[in-house]
Amino acid sequence: MQIVIAGQGYVGLPLAVRAAEVGHRVVGYDVDPHCVQQLAAGHSYVEDVTSTRLRAVLDSGAYSATTDTTTLAGFDIAVITVPTPLRDDVPDLTYIESCARTLGEYLRPGAAVVLESTTYPGTTEELLVPVLERVSGLKGGVDFLAGFSPERIAPGNPRWSFEGTPKLVSGITDKSLEVITAFYDGIFQRTVPVSGTRVAEMAKLIENTFRFVNISLVNELAMLAKPLGVDIWEAIDAAATKPFGFTRFTPGPGVGGHCLPVDPLFLSWKVQQELGIPSRFVELAADVNRHMPSYVVQRLVEGLEERGMPIHGSRVLLLGMTYKINATDLRESASARVAELLINLGADVRGAEPNLRYGDDTYLNVPLVDATAQEIAASDAVVLLMDHARFDLAMIQQNAPYVLDCRNRLSGPNVEVL
């Protein structure tokens, strides 16, 4: 089939390449000329897609990347994987609207449009389909098909591959569900059909809100455990021996990325708008996580003061600037917030991030350095924010005069664990 994947980022590119590998003719559409230029040259900026895989589908002619909307004509299925950010805690769906208008110009009878971008329940039926109808002059569910299938990307996850992760699928009609399921059946090892788009939209928010709330809980427990004289890491390990009714989560400097800090607030906003009541768990969790970078800085300030050094003028090296361990994504990174707070206190801050590609440091406000023995030894304090596999933890422990370890990976007289 002729497939359009609109949005060639961390969600769209893996889907586009996989669809091309299984035999579809895929157009990867994006409005960013720089991204398209990189992809057309065979350079992948997404960690789950190697440049070798990308070049293979480019060379075969099965995949092309473009900003030219005219290449979208004649598609059988179009999948929307554009960002859905929050602006002042309000969902910004302008990317979805703009993409729907563009696709609507080329929508033909019998074609299907699938939304994968995370959003609140009702978006597919209340926003996507009406825009497509208005632009195309066709009727959703009668002339064209539509549905929602939430992305479940886990960058750098060695256990669950892209195609090995079960895929939720939904449609606005039975025919929509049938066609959309058949498309994803050829890409994923298992598809899970649900009764409607609102269920699929809600399921995605449940998944991410579950993680968000539990990470918030364990972060708050970490802040409470120290003054109580409890090793939170040992306590978590002990609790995790229970074989039922418990899922292990661990503390960290805060929640980042394009999903967890954002998606639960979609649900909170929708509930407030339609029901007029607050989503108290979500809002409390968001408040806890917003304060975690401040808590990390507080602990660092206290640790330096115990060693006779003020934070002002101290040389601090932050290890791991991405939002997630072994990831390349900097969006909503808690590490960047830690850096900002330290700079405001007058610290001399540097960052080490070995996983960045093509100099993508636009989200950072600190100079990047390599985590060498010399750089570590020259620092007054080292903060291990993300324990990337590419860091030499033994070397760090040996050379750092003082380490604040936010991941419980180091030990010794020069190490303090969050």
Protein backbone atom coordinates (compact mmCIF):
# COMPACT_ATOMS: atom_id res chain seq x y z
CA MET A 1 0.00 0.00 0.00
CA GLN A 2 0.94 3.65 -0.31
CA ILE A 3 1.55 4.83 3.25
CA VAL A 4 2.14 8.33 4.59
CA ILE A 5 3.69 8.77 8.02
CA ALA A 6 3.25 12.42 8.98
CA GLY A 7 5.92 13.36 11.50
CA GLN A 8 9.36 11.79 11.36
CA GLY A 9 10.45 12.00 14.95
CA TYR A 10 10.86 9.45 17.72
CA VAL A 11 7.44 7.92 16.95
CA GLY A 12 7.05 8.38 13.21
CA LEU A 13 10.46 7.31 11.94
CA PRO A 14 10.47 3.81 13.51
CA LEU A 15 6.98 3.21 12.14
CA ALA A 16 7.90 4.50 8.68
CA VAL A 17 11.03 2.36 8.43
CA ARG A 18 9.28 -0.74 9.72
CA ALA A 19 6.38 -0.25 7.30
CA ALA A 20 8.85 0.06 4.43
CA GLU A 21 10.69 -3.07 5.56
CA VAL A 22 7.52 -5.17 5.43
CA GLY A 23 6.75 -4.11 1.85
CA HIS A 24 4.78 -0.86 1.83
CA ARG A 25 5.69 2.24 -0.18
CA VAL A 26 6.22 4.83 2.52
CA VAL A 27 6.42 8.61 2.36
CA GLY A 28 7.88 10.10 5.52
CA TYR A 29 6.47 13.61 5.67
CA ASP A 30 7.77 16.30 8.00
CA VAL A 31 7.65 20.09 8.04
CA ASP A 32 11.23 20.38 9.37
CA PRO A 33 13.63 20.72 6.40
CA HIS A 34 16.66 19.91 8.54
CA CYS A 35 15.19 16.60 9.71
CA VAL A 36 14.18 15.66 6.18
CA GLN A 37 17.64 16.54 4.88
CA GLN A 38 19.24 14.30 7.50
CA LEU A 39 16.90 11.40 6.69
CA ALA A 40 17.31 11.75 2.93
CA ALA A 41 21.08 11.56 3.45
CA GLY A 42 20.65 8.32 5.42
CA HIS A 43 21.42 9.77 8.85
CA SER A 44 19.05 8.60 11.58
CA TYR A 45 18.64 10.82 14.63
CA VAL A 46 16.37 8.30 16.39
CA GLU A 47 18.10 5.72 18.54
CA ASP A 48 15.71 2.86 17.69
CA VAL A 49 16.44 3.21 13.96
CA THR A 50 20.02 2.69 12.87
CA SER A 51 21.36 4.61 9.91
CA THR A 52 22.05 1.24 8.28
CA ARG A 53 18.34 0.33 8.38
CA LEU A 54 17.38 3.77 7.16
CA ARG A 55 19.77 3.63 4.20
CA ALA A 56 18.50 0.16 3.26
CA VAL A 57 14.89 1.33 2.81
CA LEU A 58 16.07 4.50 1.08
CA ASP A 59 18.19 2.51 -1.37
CA SER A 60 15.34 0.09 -2.08
CA GLY A 61 13.01 2.95 -2.92
CA ALA A 62 10.49 1.78 -0.31
CA TYR A 63 10.96 4.91 1.80
CA SER A 64 11.42 8.58 1.06
CA ALA A 65 11.52 11.63 3.30
CA THR A 66 10.03 14.91 2.16
CA THR A 67 8.54 18.27 3.05
CA ASP A 68 6.64 18.36 -0.27
CA THR A 69 2.92 17.94 0.38
CA THR A 70 2.20 16.97 -3.21
CA THR A 71 3.93 13.62 -2.60
CA LEU A 72 1.10 12.71 -0.21
CA ALA A 73 -1.39 12.26 -3.03
CA GLY A 74 -2.80 8.77 -3.51
CA PHE A 75 -2.20 7.43 -0.01
CA ASP A 76 -4.08 4.38 1.21
CA ILE A 77 -3.29 4.95 4.88
CA ALA A 78 -1.87 8.03 6.57
CA VAL A 79 -0.63 7.95 10.15
CA ILE A 80 -0.26 11.14 12.17
CA THR A 81 2.63 11.09 14.65
CA VAL A 82 3.10 14.80 15.34
CA PRO A 83 3.84 16.34 18.77
CA THR A 84 1.06 17.26 21.20
CA PRO A 85 2.74 19.58 23.72
CA LEU A 86 1.28 21.46 26.64
CA ARG A 87 1.20 25.27 26.63
CA ASP A 88 0.65 26.61 30.14
CA ASP A 89 -0.86 23.24 31.10
CA VAL A 90 -3.32 23.39 28.18
CA PRO A 91 -3.09 20.75 25.39
CA ASP A 92 -1.82 22.24 22.14
CA LEU A 93 -3.37 20.29 19.26
CA THR A 94 -2.40 22.74 16.53
CA TYR A 95 0.06 20.24 15.04
CA ILE A 96 -2.72 17.67 14.70
CA GLU A 97 -5.07 20.25 13.18
CA SER A 98 -2.47 21.46 10.70
CA CYS A 99 -1.54 17.92 9.69
CA ALA A 100 -5.21 16.95 9.29
CA ARG A 101 -5.78 19.93 7.00
CA THR A 102 -2.81 18.92 4.88
CA LEU A 103 -3.91 15.29 4.64
CA GLY A 104 -7.50 16.33 3.97
CA GLU A 105 -6.41 17.96 0.72
CA TYR A 106 -5.28 14.57 -0.57
CA LEU A 107 -7.83 12.33 1.16
CA ARG A 108 -9.73 10.10 -1.27
CA PRO A 109 -12.63 7.67 -0.82
CA GLY A 110 -11.62 4.41 0.86
CA ALA A 111 -8.43 5.79 2.43
CA ALA A 112 -7.77 5.71 6.17
CA VAL A 113 -6.23 8.22 8.56
CA VAL A 114 -4.87 7.02 11.92
CA LEU A 115 -3.89 9.27 14.80
CA GLU A 116 -1.03 8.03 16.99
CA SER A 117 -0.23 11.28 18.79
CA THR A 118 -1.11 11.13 22.48
CA THR A 119 -4.13 13.23 23.37
CA TYR A 120 -7.28 13.36 25.48
CA PRO A 121 -10.34 11.10 24.93
CA GLY A 122 -12.51 12.43 22.14
CA THR A 123 -9.82 14.01 19.96
CA THR A 124 -10.20 11.60 17.03
CA GLU A 125 -13.95 12.01 16.76
CA GLU A 126 -14.23 15.66 17.85
CA LEU A 127 -11.21 17.18 16.12
CA LEU A 128 -9.48 14.94 13.59
CA VAL A 129 -12.49 13.62 11.69
CA PRO A 130 -14.30 17.00 11.42
CA VAL A 131 -11.16 18.69 10.04
CA LEU A 132 -10.70 15.92 7.47
CA GLU A 133 -14.37 16.16 6.48
CA ARG A 134 -14.29 19.93 6.15
CA VAL A 135 -11.19 19.99 3.95
CA SER A 136 -11.92 16.92 1.82
CA GLY A 137 -15.68 17.21 1.47
CA LEU A 138 -15.92 13.51 2.34
CA LYS A 139 -17.82 11.89 5.21
CA GLY A 140 -15.93 10.06 7.96
CA GLY A 141 -16.96 6.44 8.38
CA VAL A 142 -18.81 6.56 5.06
CA ASP A 143 -16.34 7.83 2.46
CA PHE A 144 -13.10 7.50 4.42
CA LEU A 145 -11.90 5.54 7.45
CA ALA A 146 -10.28 6.81 10.65
CA GLY A 147 -9.02 5.57 13.98
CA PHE A 148 -6.64 6.00 16.89
CA SER A 149 -3.68 3.77 17.75
CA PRO A 150 -1.48 5.09 20.55
CA GLU A 151 2.27 4.91 20.22
CA ARG A 152 4.15 2.79 22.75
CA ILE A 153 7.71 3.81 22.00
CA ALA A 154 10.26 2.93 24.70
CA PRO A 155 13.58 4.40 23.49
CA GLY A 156 16.56 2.25 24.37
CA ASN A 157 14.45 -0.52 25.92
CA PRO A 158 16.32 -3.78 25.23
CA ARG A 159 13.45 -6.00 26.35
CA TRP A 160 10.59 -4.68 24.26
CA SER A 161 11.30 -4.00 20.61
CA PHE A 162 9.18 -1.69 18.49
CA GLU A 163 7.38 -4.49 16.66
CA GLY A 164 7.32 -6.77 19.73
CA THR A 165 5.25 -4.38 21.83
CA PRO A 166 1.50 -5.12 21.56
CA LYS A 167 -0.29 -2.45 19.53
CA LEU A 168 -3.69 -1.03 20.54
CA VAL A 169 -5.94 -0.26 17.56
CA SER A 170 -9.35 1.36 17.22
CA GLY A 171 -11.64 2.79 14.55
CA ILE A 172 -14.64 5.08 14.22
CA THR A 173 -16.54 2.26 12.48
CA ASP A 174 -16.23 -1.52 12.20
CA LYS A 175 -14.76 -1.14 8.71
CA SER A 176 -12.23 1.40 9.97
CA LEU A 177 -11.15 -0.99 12.71
CA GLU A 178 -10.86 -3.87 10.23
CA VAL A 179 -8.63 -1.97 7.80
CA ILE A 180 -6.49 -0.33 10.47
CA THR A 181 -6.00 -3.63 12.30
CA ALA A 182 -4.94 -5.34 9.08
CA PHE A 183 -2.34 -2.64 8.45
CA TYR A 184 -0.80 -2.92 11.92
CA ASP A 185 -1.02 -6.74 11.84
CA GLY A 186 1.65 -6.63 9.16
CA ILE A 187 3.95 -4.49 11.28
CA PHE A 188 3.51 -5.65 14.88
CA GLN A 189 3.64 -9.15 16.33
CA ARG A 190 0.35 -8.59 18.15
CA THR A 191 -2.49 -6.11 17.77
CA VAL A 192 -5.14 -5.48 20.43
CA PRO A 193 -8.42 -4.10 19.00
CA VAL A 194 -10.65 -2.08 21.33
CA SER A 195 -14.26 -0.97 20.94
CA GLY A 196 -13.69 2.67 20.06
CA THR A 197 -11.26 5.54 19.74
CA ARG A 198 -12.09 7.01 23.15
CA VAL A 199 -11.12 3.74 24.83
CA ALA A 200 -7.79 3.68 23.01
CA GLU A 201 -7.15 7.35 23.80
CA MET A 202 -7.94 6.75 27.47
CA ALA A 203 -5.83 3.59 27.61
CA LYS A 204 -2.74 5.54 26.55
CA LEU A 205 -3.31 8.10 29.28
CA ILE A 206 -3.83 5.33 31.85
CA GLU A 207 -0.51 3.73 30.89
CA ASN A 208 1.49 6.91 31.30
CA THR A 209 -0.42 8.20 34.31
CA PHE A 210 0.28 4.91 36.11
CA ARG A 211 4.01 5.41 35.66
CA PHE A 212 3.83 9.13 36.39
CA VAL A 213 1.99 8.70 39.70
CA ASN A 214 4.18 5.84 40.88
CA ILE A 215 7.41 7.65 40.04
CA SER A 216 6.06 10.67 41.92
CA LEU A 217 5.24 8.47 44.89
CA VAL A 218 8.69 6.95 45.13
CA ASN A 219 10.34 10.35 44.61
CA GLU A 220 8.38 11.76 47.53
CA LEU A 221 9.28 8.73 49.65
CA ALA A 222 12.94 9.34 48.82
CA MET A 223 12.68 12.91 50.13
CA LEU A 224 11.04 11.65 53.32
CA ALA A 225 13.31 8.66 53.92
CA LYS A 226 16.58 10.55 54.48
CA PRO A 227 15.40 12.62 57.47
CA LEU A 228 13.84 9.43 58.86
CA GLY A 229 17.22 7.71 58.68
CA VAL A 230 16.06 5.15 56.11
CA ASP A 231 17.96 3.96 53.05
CA ILE A 232 15.19 4.28 50.48
CA TRP A 233 16.99 2.08 47.96
CA GLU A 234 17.31 -0.81 50.40
CA ALA A 235 13.68 -0.37 51.40
CA ILE A 236 12.55 -0.49 47.77
CA ASP A 237 14.62 -3.62 47.15
CA ALA A 238 13.04 -5.21 50.20
CA ALA A 239 9.52 -4.30 49.08
CA ALA A 240 10.23 -5.67 45.60
CA THR A 241 10.71 -9.18 47.02
CA LYS A 242 6.93 -9.37 47.36
CA PRO A 243 5.85 -11.50 44.38
CA PHE A 244 2.43 -9.90 43.97
CA GLY A 245 0.73 -6.52 44.33
CA PHE A 246 3.90 -4.45 43.92
CA THR A 247 5.70 -2.90 40.94
CA ARG A 248 9.23 -1.61 41.47
CA PHE A 249 9.86 2.07 40.76
CA THR A 250 13.00 3.97 41.77
CA PRO A 251 13.77 7.62 42.57
CA GLY A 252 15.51 10.01 40.22
CA PRO A 253 16.07 13.69 39.48
CA GLY A 254 12.60 14.10 37.98
CA VAL A 255 10.39 13.00 35.12
CA GLY A 256 11.21 14.08 31.58
CA GLY A 257 10.63 13.22 27.95
CA HIS A 258 7.80 13.82 25.53
CA CYS A 259 5.30 11.61 27.39
CA LEU A 260 5.34 11.35 31.17
CA PRO A 261 5.49 15.04 32.17
CA VAL A 262 2.85 15.87 29.55
CA ASP A 263 0.35 13.08 28.91
CA PRO A 264 -1.26 12.78 32.39
CA LEU A 265 -2.06 16.49 32.28
CA PHE A 266 -4.10 15.92 29.12
CA LEU A 267 -6.44 13.82 31.24
CA SER A 268 -6.43 16.37 34.04
CA TRP A 269 -7.29 19.18 31.62
CA LYS A 270 -10.09 17.21 29.91
CA VAL A 271 -11.68 16.23 33.22
CA GLN A 272 -11.61 19.83 34.43
CA GLN A 273 -13.05 21.13 31.16
CA GLU A 274 -15.89 18.62 30.81
CA LEU A 275 -16.67 17.63 34.40
CA GLY A 276 -15.50 20.69 36.28
CA ILE A 277 -13.60 18.67 38.87
CA PRO A 278 -9.87 18.39 39.52
CA SER A 279 -7.84 15.26 38.88
CA ARG A 280 -6.19 15.34 42.29
CA PHE A 281 -3.81 12.40 41.93
CA VAL A 282 -2.40 13.70 38.65
CA GLU A 283 -2.01 17.26 39.89
CA LEU A 284 -0.32 16.15 43.12
CA ALA A 285 2.04 13.87 41.19
CA ALA A 286 2.92 16.72 38.85
CA ASP A 287 3.70 18.97 41.81
CA VAL A 288 6.01 16.38 43.39
CA ASN A 289 7.91 15.79 40.18
CA ARG A 290 8.30 19.51 39.48
CA HIS A 291 10.15 19.80 42.79
CA MET A 292 12.58 16.89 42.30
CA PRO A 293 15.27 18.93 40.49
CA SER A 294 15.14 21.44 43.36
CA TYR A 295 15.56 18.60 45.83
CA VAL A 296 18.61 17.30 43.94
CA VAL A 297 20.15 20.78 44.06
CA GLN A 298 19.32 21.08 47.76
CA ARG A 299 21.10 17.80 48.48
CA LEU A 300 24.12 18.91 46.45
CA VAL A 301 24.29 22.25 48.29
CA GLU A 302 24.16 20.43 51.63
CA GLY A 303 26.81 17.94 50.53
CA LEU A 304 29.20 20.67 49.45
CA GLU A 305 28.63 22.66 52.64
CA GLU A 306 29.48 19.58 54.71
CA ARG A 307 32.80 19.58 52.84
CA GLY A 308 33.40 23.25 53.50
CA MET A 309 32.52 24.53 50.03
CA PRO A 310 29.76 26.94 49.01
CA ILE A 311 27.77 26.17 45.90
CA HIS A 312 28.64 29.62 44.49
CA GLY A 313 31.79 29.20 42.43
CA SER A 314 31.96 25.43 42.83
CA ARG A 315 32.72 23.44 39.73
CA VAL A 316 29.92 20.91 39.17
CA LEU A 317 29.87 18.18 36.53
CA LEU A 318 26.47 16.74 35.62
CA LEU A 319 26.57 13.25 34.15
CA GLY A 320 23.66 12.38 31.85
CA MET A 321 21.60 15.22 30.40
CA THR A 322 18.91 13.26 28.54
CA TYR A 323 15.54 12.60 30.12
CA LYS A 324 16.06 8.84 30.34
CA ILE A 325 18.87 6.36 30.81
CA ASN A 326 20.63 5.46 27.51
CA ALA A 327 18.25 7.72 25.57
CA THR A 328 19.22 10.48 23.13
CA ASP A 329 16.19 12.69 23.78
CA LEU A 330 16.60 15.93 25.73
CA ARG A 331 12.99 17.08 25.74
CA GLU A 332 11.64 18.08 29.16
CA SER A 333 14.85 16.75 30.71
CA ALA A 334 14.99 17.08 34.50
CA SER A 335 18.78 17.26 34.17
CA ALA A 336 18.47 20.51 32.23
CA ARG A 337 16.39 21.95 35.06
CA VAL A 338 19.02 20.86 37.61
CA ALA A 339 21.64 22.68 35.53
CA GLU A 340 19.52 25.82 35.37
CA LEU A 341 19.01 25.91 39.13
CA LEU A 342 22.73 25.42 39.81
CA ILE A 343 23.67 28.20 37.40
CA ASN A 344 21.24 30.51 39.18
CA LEU A 345 23.09 29.75 42.43
CA GLY A 346 26.39 30.75 40.86
CA ALA A 347 27.87 27.30 40.28
CA ASP A 348 30.31 26.64 37.43
CA VAL A 349 28.32 23.91 35.69
CA ARG A 350 29.36 21.51 32.96
CA GLY A 351 27.46 18.60 31.45
CA ALA A 352 28.57 15.26 30.02
CA GLU A 353 26.19 13.52 27.62
CA PRO A 354 27.72 10.83 25.38
CA ASN A 355 24.42 9.92 23.70
CA LEU A 356 23.70 13.14 21.83
CA ARG A 357 23.66 12.95 18.03
CA TYR A 358 24.62 15.61 15.53
CA GLY A 359 25.34 18.17 18.24
CA ASP A 360 21.73 18.27 19.39
CA ASP A 361 22.24 20.45 22.44
CA THR A 362 19.52 23.01 21.78
CA TYR A 363 17.76 22.11 25.02
CA LEU A 364 20.84 22.60 27.17
CA ASN A 365 22.24 25.71 28.80
CA VAL A 366 25.62 24.33 29.87
CA PRO A 367 28.84 23.57 27.99
CA LEU A 368 29.26 19.90 27.12
CA VAL A 369 32.46 18.06 28.01
CA ASP A 370 33.64 14.46 27.91
CA ALA A 371 33.48 12.50 31.16
CA THR A 372 37.24 11.96 31.33
CA ALA A 373 39.21 11.19 34.46
CA GLN A 374 40.78 14.66 34.26
CA GLU A 375 37.41 16.44 33.97
CA ILE A 376 35.96 14.43 36.85
CA ALA A 377 38.97 15.00 39.10
CA ALA A 378 38.88 18.74 38.38
CA SER A 379 35.27 19.03 39.58
CA ASP A 380 34.30 19.91 43.12
CA ALA A 381 31.19 17.76 42.75
CA VAL A 382 29.90 15.22 40.26
CA VAL A 383 26.17 14.49 39.99
CA LEU A 384 25.21 11.18 38.38
CA LEU A 385 21.79 11.99 36.93
CA MET A 386 21.57 9.26 34.28
CA ASP A 387 23.69 6.13 34.58
CA HIS A 388 24.22 5.64 30.86
CA ALA A 389 25.96 2.43 29.83
CA ARG A 390 28.66 4.54 28.16
CA PHE A 391 29.79 6.02 31.48
CA ASP A 392 32.74 4.31 33.20
CA LEU A 393 31.25 4.17 36.67
CA ALA A 394 34.35 2.66 38.30
CA MET A 395 36.53 5.43 36.87
CA ILE A 396 34.06 8.07 38.04
CA GLN A 397 34.01 6.70 41.56
CA GLN A 398 37.80 6.52 41.65
CA ASN A 399 38.47 10.08 40.45
CA ALA A 400 35.60 12.20 41.74
CA PRO A 401 36.24 14.07 45.00
CA TYR A 402 32.51 14.02 45.78
CA VAL A 403 29.59 12.34 43.98
CA LEU A 404 25.86 12.82 44.45
CA ASP A 405 24.52 9.59 42.96
CA CYS A 406 20.89 9.89 41.88
CA ARG A 407 20.80 6.29 40.59
CA ASN A 408 22.32 4.22 43.42
CA ARG A 409 25.13 2.88 41.25
CA LEU A 410 28.20 3.95 43.20
CA SER A 411 29.51 3.50 46.74
CA GLY A 412 32.39 4.66 48.87
CA PRO A 413 33.35 7.48 51.23
CA ASN A 414 33.17 10.07 48.43
CA VAL A 415 29.65 9.02 47.36
CA GLU A 416 26.29 10.21 48.66
CA VAL A 417 23.19 8.48 47.30
CA LEU A 418 19.98 10.41 46.61
